Amino acid sequence: MLKGLEEWLDGWIAKGWRTAGKKPVKNEDLWRELDELRKKHELSYHWVRGHNEHPENERCDRMAVAAREALVMGL
């Protein structure tokens, strides 16, 4: 995600939402939303190692797992 925001997003836009390998960008709809949000907000980036007991990262992981499970269960 971090490289996508910092390094790749502008290139994808310039290439018509294609990767360097000329394939469609995966999750283009989500990247477009992030692009709009970064125009409205000042962003700073801080990489955090996953599953390393970082409280906010662990919370996000739990939320993502719960959302996936709800989707699978059809809720």
Protein backbone atom coordinates (compact mmCIF):
# COMPACT_ATOMS: atom_id res chain seq x y z
CA MET A 1 0.00 0.00 0.00
CA LEU A 2 2.75 2.43 0.93
CA LYS A 3 4.62 2.01 -2.36
CA GLY A 4 1.34 2.36 -4.20
CA LEU A 5 0.69 5.76 -2.65
CA GLU A 6 4.27 7.01 -2.65
CA GLU A 7 5.64 5.59 -5.88
CA TRP A 8 3.12 3.99 -8.21
CA LEU A 9 -0.17 5.92 -8.11
CA ASP A 10 0.90 8.87 -10.25
CA GLY A 11 2.37 6.51 -12.84
CA TRP A 12 -0.79 4.42 -12.99
CA ILE A 13 -2.84 7.54 -13.60
CA ALA A 14 -0.46 8.75 -16.33
CA LYS A 15 -0.64 5.32 -18.00
CA GLY A 16 -4.45 5.17 -17.94
CA TRP A 17 -4.61 2.92 -14.88
CA ARG A 18 -2.18 0.37 -16.27
CA THR A 19 0.81 -1.15 -14.51
CA ALA A 20 4.36 -1.11 -15.84
CA GLY A 21 3.51 -4.52 -17.32
CA LYS A 22 0.55 -2.93 -19.16
CA LYS A 23 -1.98 -4.86 -17.07
CA PRO A 24 -4.99 -3.20 -15.41
CA VAL A 25 -4.32 -1.92 -11.89
CA LYS A 26 -5.96 -4.23 -9.34
CA ASN A 27 -8.59 -2.57 -7.13
CA GLU A 28 -8.61 0.50 -9.36
CA ASP A 29 -11.81 1.77 -7.73
CA LEU A 30 -10.13 1.83 -4.31
CA TRP A 31 -6.97 3.49 -5.67
CA ARG A 32 -9.14 6.18 -7.31
CA GLU A 33 -10.76 6.87 -3.94
CA LEU A 34 -7.36 7.12 -2.28
CA ASP A 35 -6.23 9.49 -5.03
CA GLU A 36 -9.20 11.78 -4.33
CA LEU A 37 -8.52 11.68 -0.59
CA ARG A 38 -4.84 12.52 -0.99
CA LYS A 39 -5.88 15.65 -2.92
CA LYS A 40 -7.92 16.81 0.09
CA HIS A 41 -5.53 15.89 2.89
CA GLU A 42 -1.88 16.30 3.70
CA LEU A 43 -0.44 12.82 4.07
CA SER A 44 2.60 11.56 5.87
CA TYR A 45 3.75 7.98 5.66
CA HIS A 46 5.11 5.73 8.35
CA TRP A 47 5.71 2.06 7.64
CA VAL A 48 4.76 -0.33 10.45
CA ARG A 49 5.76 -4.00 10.46
CA GLY A 50 2.62 -6.12 10.32
CA HIS A 51 1.67 -8.45 13.17
CA ASN A 52 4.22 -6.88 15.48
CA GLU A 53 1.87 -5.93 18.33
CA HIS A 54 1.43 -2.37 17.07
CA PRO A 55 -2.01 -1.49 18.57
CA GLU A 56 -3.45 0.39 15.59
CA ASN A 57 -2.13 -2.16 13.09
CA GLU A 58 -3.56 -5.04 15.10
CA ARG A 59 -6.93 -3.26 15.28
CA CYS A 60 -6.96 -2.72 11.51
CA ASP A 61 -6.11 -6.36 10.99
CA ARG A 62 -9.01 -7.47 13.21
CA MET A 63 -11.37 -5.13 11.36
CA ALA A 64 -10.23 -6.44 7.95
CA VAL A 65 -10.64 -10.05 9.02
CA ALA A 66 -14.13 -9.35 10.42
CA ALA A 67 -15.18 -7.56 7.21
CA ARG A 68 -13.94 -10.46 5.08
CA GLU A 69 -15.75 -12.97 7.26
CA ALA A 70 -18.97 -10.94 7.08
CA LEU A 71 -18.69 -10.85 3.30
CA VAL A 72 -18.12 -14.60 3.10
CA MET A 73 -21.09 -15.21 5.40
CA GLY A 74 -23.26 -12.94 3.24
CA LEU A 75 -23.94 -10.38 5.93
